[in-house]
Amino acid sequence: MAQSSVPLEQVAERVERLLLRHAELRRTNALLAEQVASLTRERDALQVRLHAARVRVDAVLERLPLALDSETDGGRA
């Protein structure tokens, strides 16, 4: 029987290390996926708040010229 250049024990050790690394990477990937989902939810909530704020600012801006016109007309009379 011919001897292989890498002993079977070394191959088994490398396989074990690869399996551990694979499990570690799967856990890391799951944590990162949850972080992405959380940040996506946060972004969506902030977009909703931003839209609501824009609506309020637009409403104030629409009233602003009317308020200024009525103040100047009242001062002239």
PDB file of N, CA and C in Angstrom:
ATOM      1  N   MET A   1       0.838  -1.167   0.000  1.00  0.00           N
ATOM      2  CA  MET A   1       0.000   0.000   0.000  1.00  0.00           C
ATOM      3  C   MET A   1       0.893   1.245   0.000  1.00  0.00           C
ATOM      4  N   ALA A   2       0.556   2.242  -0.845  1.00  0.00           N
ATOM      5  CA  ALA A   2       1.362   3.457  -0.948  1.00  0.00           C
ATOM      6  C   ALA A   2       0.955   4.453   0.136  1.00  0.00           C
ATOM      7  N   GLN A   3       1.950   5.128   0.677  1.00  0.00           N
ATOM      8  CA  GLN A   3       1.670   6.132   1.703  1.00  0.00           C
ATOM      9  C   GLN A   3       1.249   7.426   1.028  1.00  0.00           C
ATOM     10  N   SER A   4       0.178   8.064   1.571  1.00  0.00           N
ATOM     11  CA  SER A   4      -0.226   9.358   1.025  1.00  0.00           C
ATOM     12  C   SER A   4       0.685  10.432   1.584  1.00  0.00           C
ATOM     13  N   SER A   5       0.739  11.568   0.898  1.00  0.00           N
ATOM     14  CA  SER A   5       1.638  12.629   1.329  1.00  0.00           C
ATOM     15  C   SER A   5       1.095  13.351   2.566  1.00  0.00           C
ATOM     16  N   VAL A   6      -0.225  13.272   2.816  1.00  0.00           N
ATOM     17  CA  VAL A   6      -0.827  13.897   3.997  1.00  0.00           C
ATOM     18  C   VAL A   6      -1.475  12.799   4.830  1.00  0.00           C
ATOM     19  N   PRO A   7      -1.035  12.667   6.071  1.00  0.00           N
ATOM     20  CA  PRO A   7      -1.620  11.624   6.926  1.00  0.00           C
ATOM     21  C   PRO A   7      -3.114  11.844   7.136  1.00  0.00           C
ATOM     22  N   LEU A   8      -3.791  10.762   7.321  1.00  0.00           N
ATOM     23  CA  LEU A   8      -5.251  10.798   7.502  1.00  0.00           C
ATOM     24  C   LEU A   8      -5.644  11.648   8.706  1.00  0.00           C
ATOM     25  N   GLU A   9      -4.850  11.643   9.746  1.00  0.00           N
ATOM     26  CA  GLU A   9      -5.160  12.436  10.937  1.00  0.00           C
ATOM     27  C   GLU A   9      -5.164  13.935  10.616  1.00  0.00           C
ATOM     28  N   GLN A  10      -4.228  14.357   9.773  1.00  0.00           N
ATOM     29  CA  GLN A  10      -4.171  15.768   9.396  1.00  0.00           C
ATOM     30  C   GLN A  10      -5.395  16.165   8.561  1.00  0.00           C
ATOM     31  N   VAL A  11      -5.794  15.268   7.690  1.00  0.00           N
ATOM     32  CA  VAL A  11      -6.980  15.530   6.877  1.00  0.00           C
ATOM     33  C   VAL A  11      -8.210  15.633   7.783  1.00  0.00           C
ATOM     34  N   ALA A  12      -8.332  14.713   8.725  1.00  0.00           N
ATOM     35  CA  ALA A  12      -9.470  14.738   9.640  1.00  0.00           C
ATOM     36  C   ALA A  12      -9.464  16.022  10.475  1.00  0.00           C
ATOM     37  N   GLU A  13      -8.303  16.447  10.910  1.00  0.00           N
ATOM     38  CA  GLU A  13      -8.188  17.682  11.690  1.00  0.00           C
ATOM     39  C   GLU A  13      -8.610  18.892  10.858  1.00  0.00           C
ATOM     40  N   ARG A  14      -8.171  18.926   9.622  1.00  0.00           N
ATOM     41  CA  ARG A  14      -8.555  20.039   8.732  1.00  0.00           C
ATOM     42  C   ARG A  14     -10.066  20.043   8.476  1.00  0.00           C
ATOM     43  N   VAL A  15     -10.630  18.886   8.285  1.00  0.00           N
ATOM     44  CA  VAL A  15     -12.075  18.785   8.068  1.00  0.00           C
ATOM     45  C   VAL A  15     -12.824  19.287   9.296  1.00  0.00           C
ATOM     46  N   GLU A  16     -12.365  18.911  10.481  1.00  0.00           N
ATOM     47  CA  GLU A  16     -12.999  19.382  11.723  1.00  0.00           C
ATOM     48  C   GLU A  16     -12.928  20.907  11.831  1.00  0.00           C
ATOM     49  N   ARG A  17     -11.766  21.458  11.509  1.00  0.00           N
ATOM     50  CA  ARG A  17     -11.620  22.920  11.562  1.00  0.00           C
ATOM     51  C   ARG A  17     -12.539  23.594  10.553  1.00  0.00           C
ATOM     52  N   LEU A  18     -12.640  23.014   9.367  1.00  0.00           N
ATOM     53  CA  LEU A  18     -13.538  23.567   8.358  1.00  0.00           C
ATOM     54  C   LEU A  18     -14.993  23.506   8.805  1.00  0.00           C
ATOM     55  N   LEU A  19     -15.374  22.410   9.443  1.00  0.00           N
ATOM     56  CA  LEU A  19     -16.745  22.286   9.933  1.00  0.00           C
ATOM     57  C   LEU A  19     -17.032  23.317  11.024  1.00  0.00           C
ATOM     58  N   LEU A  20     -16.076  23.529  11.927  1.00  0.00           N
ATOM     59  CA  LEU A  20     -16.251  24.542  12.964  1.00  0.00           C
ATOM     60  C   LEU A  20     -16.348  25.940  12.344  1.00  0.00           C
ATOM     61  N   ARG A  21     -15.481  26.206  11.386  1.00  0.00           N
ATOM     62  CA  ARG A  21     -15.506  27.518  10.712  1.00  0.00           C
ATOM     63  C   ARG A  21     -16.828  27.712   9.980  1.00  0.00           C
ATOM     64  N   HIS A  22     -17.314  26.670   9.341  1.00  0.00           N
ATOM     65  CA  HIS A  22     -18.589  26.738   8.628  1.00  0.00           C
ATOM     66  C   HIS A  22     -19.730  27.072   9.592  1.00  0.00           C
ATOM     67  N   ALA A  23     -19.755  26.397  10.734  1.00  0.00           N
ATOM     68  CA  ALA A  23     -20.796  26.661  11.734  1.00  0.00           C
ATOM     69  C   ALA A  23     -20.697  28.095  12.246  1.00  0.00           C
ATOM     70  N   GLU A  24     -19.472  28.560  12.474  1.00  0.00           N
ATOM     71  CA  GLU A  24     -19.263  29.936  12.937  1.00  0.00           C
ATOM     72  C   GLU A  24     -19.757  30.944  11.899  1.00  0.00           C
ATOM     73  N   LEU A  25     -19.456  30.692  10.647  1.00  0.00           N
ATOM     74  CA  LEU A  25     -19.893  31.596   9.581  1.00  0.00           C
ATOM     75  C   LEU A  25     -21.411  31.590   9.418  1.00  0.00           C
ATOM     76  N   ARG A  26     -22.023  30.435   9.614  1.00  0.00           N
ATOM     77  CA  ARG A  26     -23.499  30.377   9.538  1.00  0.00           C
ATOM     78  C   ARG A  26     -24.120  31.204  10.658  1.00  0.00           C
ATOM     79  N   ARG A  27     -23.572  31.110  11.871  1.00  0.00           N
ATOM     80  CA  ARG A  27     -24.086  31.918  12.994  1.00  0.00           C
ATOM     81  C   ARG A  27     -23.886  33.401  12.725  1.00  0.00           C
ATOM     82  N   THR A  28     -22.711  33.762  12.238  1.00  0.00           N
ATOM     83  CA  THR A  28     -22.428  35.158  11.919  1.00  0.00           C
ATOM     84  C   THR A  28     -23.385  35.663  10.852  1.00  0.00           C
ATOM     85  N   ASN A  29     -23.612  34.855   9.840  1.00  0.00           N
ATOM     86  CA  ASN A  29     -24.516  35.232   8.758  1.00  0.00           C
ATOM     87  C   ASN A  29     -25.935  35.437   9.291  1.00  0.00           C
ATOM     88  N   ALA A  30     -26.382  34.566  10.183  1.00  0.00           N
ATOM     89  CA  ALA A  30     -27.723  34.706  10.758  1.00  0.00           C
ATOM     90  C   ALA A  30     -27.830  35.996  11.569  1.00  0.00           C
ATOM     91  N   LEU A  31     -26.794  36.301  12.346  1.00  0.00           N
ATOM     92  CA  LEU A  31     -26.795  37.550  13.122  1.00  0.00           C
ATOM     93  C   LEU A  31     -26.804  38.767  12.210  1.00  0.00           C
ATOM     94  N   LEU A  32     -26.029  38.727  11.156  1.00  0.00           N
ATOM     95  CA  LEU A  32     -25.998  39.848  10.214  1.00  0.00           C
ATOM     96  C   LEU A  32     -27.331  39.995   9.485  1.00  0.00           C
ATOM     97  N   ALA A  33     -27.945  38.889   9.146  1.00  0.00           N
ATOM     98  CA  ALA A  33     -29.252  38.955   8.480  1.00  0.00           C
ATOM     99  C   ALA A  33     -30.289  39.585   9.403  1.00  0.00           C
ATOM    100  N   GLU A  34     -30.259  39.248  10.685  1.00  0.00           N
ATOM    101  CA  GLU A  34     -31.181  39.857  11.642  1.00  0.00           C
ATOM    102  C   GLU A  34     -30.892  41.340  11.796  1.00  0.00           C
ATOM    103  N   GLN A  35     -29.618  41.708  11.797  1.00  0.00           N
ATOM    104  CA  GLN A  35     -29.250  43.124  11.901  1.00  0.00           C
ATOM    105  C   GLN A  35     -29.751  43.895  10.683  1.00  0.00           C
ATOM    106  N   VAL A  36     -29.614  43.316   9.506  1.00  0.00           N
ATOM    107  CA  VAL A  36     -30.117  43.960   8.287  1.00  0.00           C
ATOM    108  C   VAL A  36     -31.625  44.127   8.370  1.00  0.00           C
ATOM    109  N   ALA A  37     -32.329  43.109   8.831  1.00  0.00           N
ATOM    110  CA  ALA A  37     -33.785  43.196   8.955  1.00  0.00           C
ATOM    111  C   ALA A  37     -34.180  44.281   9.949  1.00  0.00           C
ATOM    112  N   SER A  38     -33.477  44.343  11.065  1.00  0.00           N
ATOM    113  CA  SER A  38     -33.764  45.359  12.075  1.00  0.00           C
ATOM    114  C   SER A  38     -33.523  46.757  11.529  1.00  0.00           C
ATOM    115  N   LEU A  39     -32.405  46.949  10.846  1.00  0.00           N
ATOM    116  CA  LEU A  39     -32.096  48.254  10.278  1.00  0.00           C
ATOM    117  C   LEU A  39     -33.073  48.632   9.169  1.00  0.00           C
ATOM    118  N   THR A  40     -33.541  47.650   8.434  1.00  0.00           N
ATOM    119  CA  THR A  40     -34.537  47.908   7.400  1.00  0.00           C
ATOM    120  C   THR A  40     -35.846  48.379   8.026  1.00  0.00           C
ATOM    121  N   ARG A  41     -36.248  47.724   9.118  1.00  0.00           N
ATOM    122  CA  ARG A  41     -37.469  48.164   9.817  1.00  0.00           C
ATOM    123  C   ARG A  41     -37.302  49.579  10.359  1.00  0.00           C
ATOM    124  N   GLU A  42     -36.135  49.857  10.923  1.00  0.00           N
ATOM    125  CA  GLU A  42     -35.874  51.193  11.458  1.00  0.00           C
ATOM    126  C   GLU A  42     -35.903  52.239  10.345  1.00  0.00           C
ATOM    127  N   ARG A  43     -35.282  51.924   9.213  1.00  0.00           N
ATOM    128  CA  ARG A  43     -35.288  52.835   8.071  1.00  0.00           C
ATOM    129  C   ARG A  43     -36.704  53.113   7.591  1.00  0.00           C
ATOM    130  N   ASP A  44     -37.509  52.059   7.493  1.00  0.00           N
ATOM    131  CA  ASP A  44     -38.890  52.222   7.046  1.00  0.00           C
ATOM    132  C   ASP A  44     -39.680  53.109   8.001  1.00  0.00           C
ATOM    133  N   ALA A  45     -39.482  52.918   9.307  1.00  0.00           N
ATOM    134  CA  ALA A  45     -40.169  53.746  10.299  1.00  0.00           C
ATOM    135  C   ALA A  45     -39.721  55.200  10.178  1.00  0.00           C
ATOM    136  N   LEU A  46     -38.437  55.420   9.959  1.00  0.00           N
ATOM    137  CA  LEU A  46     -37.933  56.789   9.803  1.00  0.00           C
ATOM    138  C   LEU A  46     -38.471  57.439   8.526  1.00  0.00           C
ATOM    139  N   GLN A  47     -38.634  56.657   7.476  1.00  0.00           N
ATOM    140  CA  GLN A  47     -39.198  57.195   6.241  1.00  0.00           C
ATOM    141  C   GLN A  47     -40.645  57.626   6.447  1.00  0.00           C
ATOM    142  N   VAL A  48     -41.395  56.842   7.222  1.00  0.00           N
ATOM    143  CA  VAL A  48     -42.780  57.209   7.525  1.00  0.00           C
ATOM    144  C   VAL A  48     -42.811  58.507   8.323  1.00  0.00           C
ATOM    145  N   ARG A  49     -41.930  58.612   9.330  1.00  0.00           N
ATOM    146  CA  ARG A  49     -41.874  59.838  10.139  1.00  0.00           C
ATOM    147  C   ARG A  49     -41.456  61.034   9.297  1.00  0.00           C
ATOM    148  N   LEU A  50     -40.505  60.828   8.394  1.00  0.00           N
ATOM    149  CA  LEU A  50     -40.058  61.912   7.516  1.00  0.00           C
ATOM    150  C   LEU A  50     -41.206  62.388   6.627  1.00  0.00           C
ATOM    151  N   HIS A  51     -41.955  61.458   6.079  1.00  0.00           N
ATOM    152  CA  HIS A  51     -43.086  61.826   5.226  1.00  0.00           C
ATOM    153  C   HIS A  51     -44.118  62.634   6.028  1.00  0.00           C
ATOM    154  N   ALA A  52     -44.422  62.192   7.236  1.00  0.00           N
ATOM    155  CA  ALA A  52     -45.382  62.907   8.077  1.00  0.00           C
ATOM    156  C   ALA A  52     -44.867  64.311   8.389  1.00  0.00           C
ATOM    157  N   ALA A  53     -43.587  64.440   8.660  1.00  0.00           N
ATOM    158  CA  ALA A  53     -43.009  65.758   8.947  1.00  0.00           C
ATOM    159  C   ALA A  53     -43.088  66.658   7.715  1.00  0.00           C
ATOM    160  N   ARG A  54     -42.824  66.104   6.561  1.00  0.00           N
ATOM    161  CA  ARG A  54     -42.915  66.897   5.329  1.00  0.00           C
ATOM    162  C   ARG A  54     -44.336  67.398   5.105  1.00  0.00           C
ATOM    163  N   VAL A  55     -45.317  66.546   5.368  1.00  0.00           N
ATOM    164  CA  VAL A  55     -46.719  66.939   5.221  1.00  0.00           C
ATOM    165  C   VAL A  55     -47.026  68.098   6.165  1.00  0.00           C
ATOM    166  N   ARG A  56     -46.555  67.997   7.417  1.00  0.00           N
ATOM    167  CA  ARG A  56     -46.799  69.078   8.379  1.00  0.00           C
ATOM    168  C   ARG A  56     -46.111  70.370   7.957  1.00  0.00           C
ATOM    169  N   VAL A  57     -44.877  70.278   7.486  1.00  0.00           N
ATOM    170  CA  VAL A  57     -44.149  71.472   7.045  1.00  0.00           C
ATOM    171  C   VAL A  57     -44.845  72.095   5.840  1.00  0.00           C
ATOM    172  N   ASP A  58     -45.275  71.262   4.899  1.00  0.00           N
ATOM    173  CA  ASP A  58     -46.000  71.784   3.730  1.00  0.00           C
ATOM    174  C   ASP A  58     -47.272  72.508   4.155  1.00  0.00           C
ATOM    175  N   ALA A  59     -47.979  71.959   5.126  1.00  0.00           N
ATOM    176  CA  ALA A  59     -49.202  72.597   5.610  1.00  0.00           C
ATOM    177  C   ALA A  59     -48.888  73.946   6.246  1.00  0.00           C
ATOM    178  N   VAL A  60     -47.819  74.037   7.009  1.00  0.00           N
ATOM    179  CA  VAL A  60     -47.424  75.306   7.624  1.00  0.00           C
ATOM    180  C   VAL A  60     -47.030  76.306   6.539  1.00  0.00           C
ATOM    181  N   LEU A  61     -46.279  75.852   5.538  1.00  0.00           N
ATOM    182  CA  LEU A  61     -45.852  76.744   4.460  1.00  0.00           C
ATOM    183  C   LEU A  61     -47.039  77.267   3.655  1.00  0.00           C
ATOM    184  N   GLU A  62     -48.049  76.436   3.480  1.00  0.00           N
ATOM    185  CA  GLU A  62     -49.248  76.876   2.757  1.00  0.00           C
ATOM    186  C   GLU A  62     -49.978  77.965   3.525  1.00  0.00           C
ATOM    187  N   ARG A  63     -49.987  77.904   4.840  1.00  0.00           N
ATOM    188  CA  ARG A  63     -50.674  78.908   5.651  1.00  0.00           C
ATOM    189  C   ARG A  63     -49.843  80.167   5.826  1.00  0.00           C
ATOM    190  N   LEU A  64     -48.537  80.063   5.708  1.00  0.00           N
ATOM    191  CA  LEU A  64     -47.646  81.183   5.995  1.00  0.00           C
ATOM    192  C   LEU A  64     -47.930  82.418   5.131  1.00  0.00           C
ATOM    193  N   PRO A  65     -48.036  82.324   3.807  1.00  0.00           N
ATOM    194  CA  PRO A  65     -48.312  83.534   3.018  1.00  0.00           C
ATOM    195  C   PRO A  65     -49.644  84.183   3.395  1.00  0.00           C
ATOM    196  N   LEU A  66     -50.642  83.391   3.721  1.00  0.00           N
ATOM    197  CA  LEU A  66     -51.932  83.939   4.118  1.00  0.00           C
ATOM    198  C   LEU A  66     -51.793  84.705   5.419  1.00  0.00           C
ATOM    199  N   ALA A  67     -51.040  84.199   6.344  1.00  0.00           N
ATOM    200  CA  ALA A  67     -50.849  84.872   7.618  1.00  0.00           C
ATOM    201  C   ALA A  67     -50.093  86.178   7.405  1.00  0.00           C
ATOM    202  N   LEU A  68     -49.088  86.186   6.558  1.00  0.00           N
ATOM    203  CA  LEU A  68     -48.331  87.410   6.290  1.00  0.00           C
ATOM    204  C   LEU A  68     -49.193  88.437   5.566  1.00  0.00           C
ATOM    205  N   ASP A  69     -50.017  88.010   4.605  1.00  0.00           N
ATOM    206  CA  ASP A  69     -50.902  88.926   3.880  1.00  0.00           C
ATOM    207  C   ASP A  69     -51.911  89.569   4.813  1.00  0.00           C
ATOM    208  N   SER A  70     -52.496  88.781   5.701  1.00  0.00           N
ATOM    209  CA  SER A  70     -53.496  89.342   6.603  1.00  0.00           C
ATOM    210  C   SER A  70     -52.876  90.303   7.597  1.00  0.00           C
ATOM    211  N   GLU A  71     -51.619  90.064   8.001  1.00  0.00           N
ATOM    212  CA  GLU A  71     -50.939  90.991   8.918  1.00  0.00           C
ATOM    213  C   GLU A  71     -50.643  92.317   8.226  1.00  0.00           C
ATOM    214  N   THR A  72     -50.189  92.257   6.966  1.00  0.00           N
ATOM    215  CA  THR A  72     -49.867  93.513   6.252  1.00  0.00           C
ATOM    216  C   THR A  72     -51.130  94.270   5.900  1.00  0.00           C
ATOM    217  N   ASP A  73     -52.198  93.600   5.543  1.00  0.00           N
ATOM    218  CA  ASP A  73     -53.456  94.279   5.234  1.00  0.00           C
ATOM    219  C   ASP A  73     -54.017  94.931   6.481  1.00  0.00           C
ATOM    220  N   GLY A  74     -53.875  94.266   7.613  1.00  0.00           N
ATOM    221  CA  GLY A  74     -54.391  94.843   8.866  1.00  0.00           C
ATOM    222  C   GLY A  74     -53.618  96.072   9.269  1.00  0.00           C
ATOM    223  N   GLY A  75     -52.343  96.134   8.963  1.00  0.00           N
ATOM    224  CA  GLY A  75     -51.535  97.278   9.329  1.00  0.00           C
ATOM    225  C   GLY A  75     -51.822  98.506   8.462  1.00  0.00           C
ATOM    226  N   ARG A  76     -52.293  98.274   7.233  1.00  0.00           N
ATOM    227  CA  ARG A  76     -52.557  99.377   6.291  1.00  0.00           C
ATOM    228  C   ARG A  76     -53.888 100.060   6.589  1.00  0.00           C
ATOM    229  N   ALA A  77     -54.794  99.363   7.168  1.00  0.00           N
ATOM    230  CA  ALA A  77     -56.143  99.898   7.338  1.00  0.00           C
ATOM    231  C   ALA A  77     -56.268 100.943   8.388  1.00  0.00           C
TER     232      ALA A  77
END
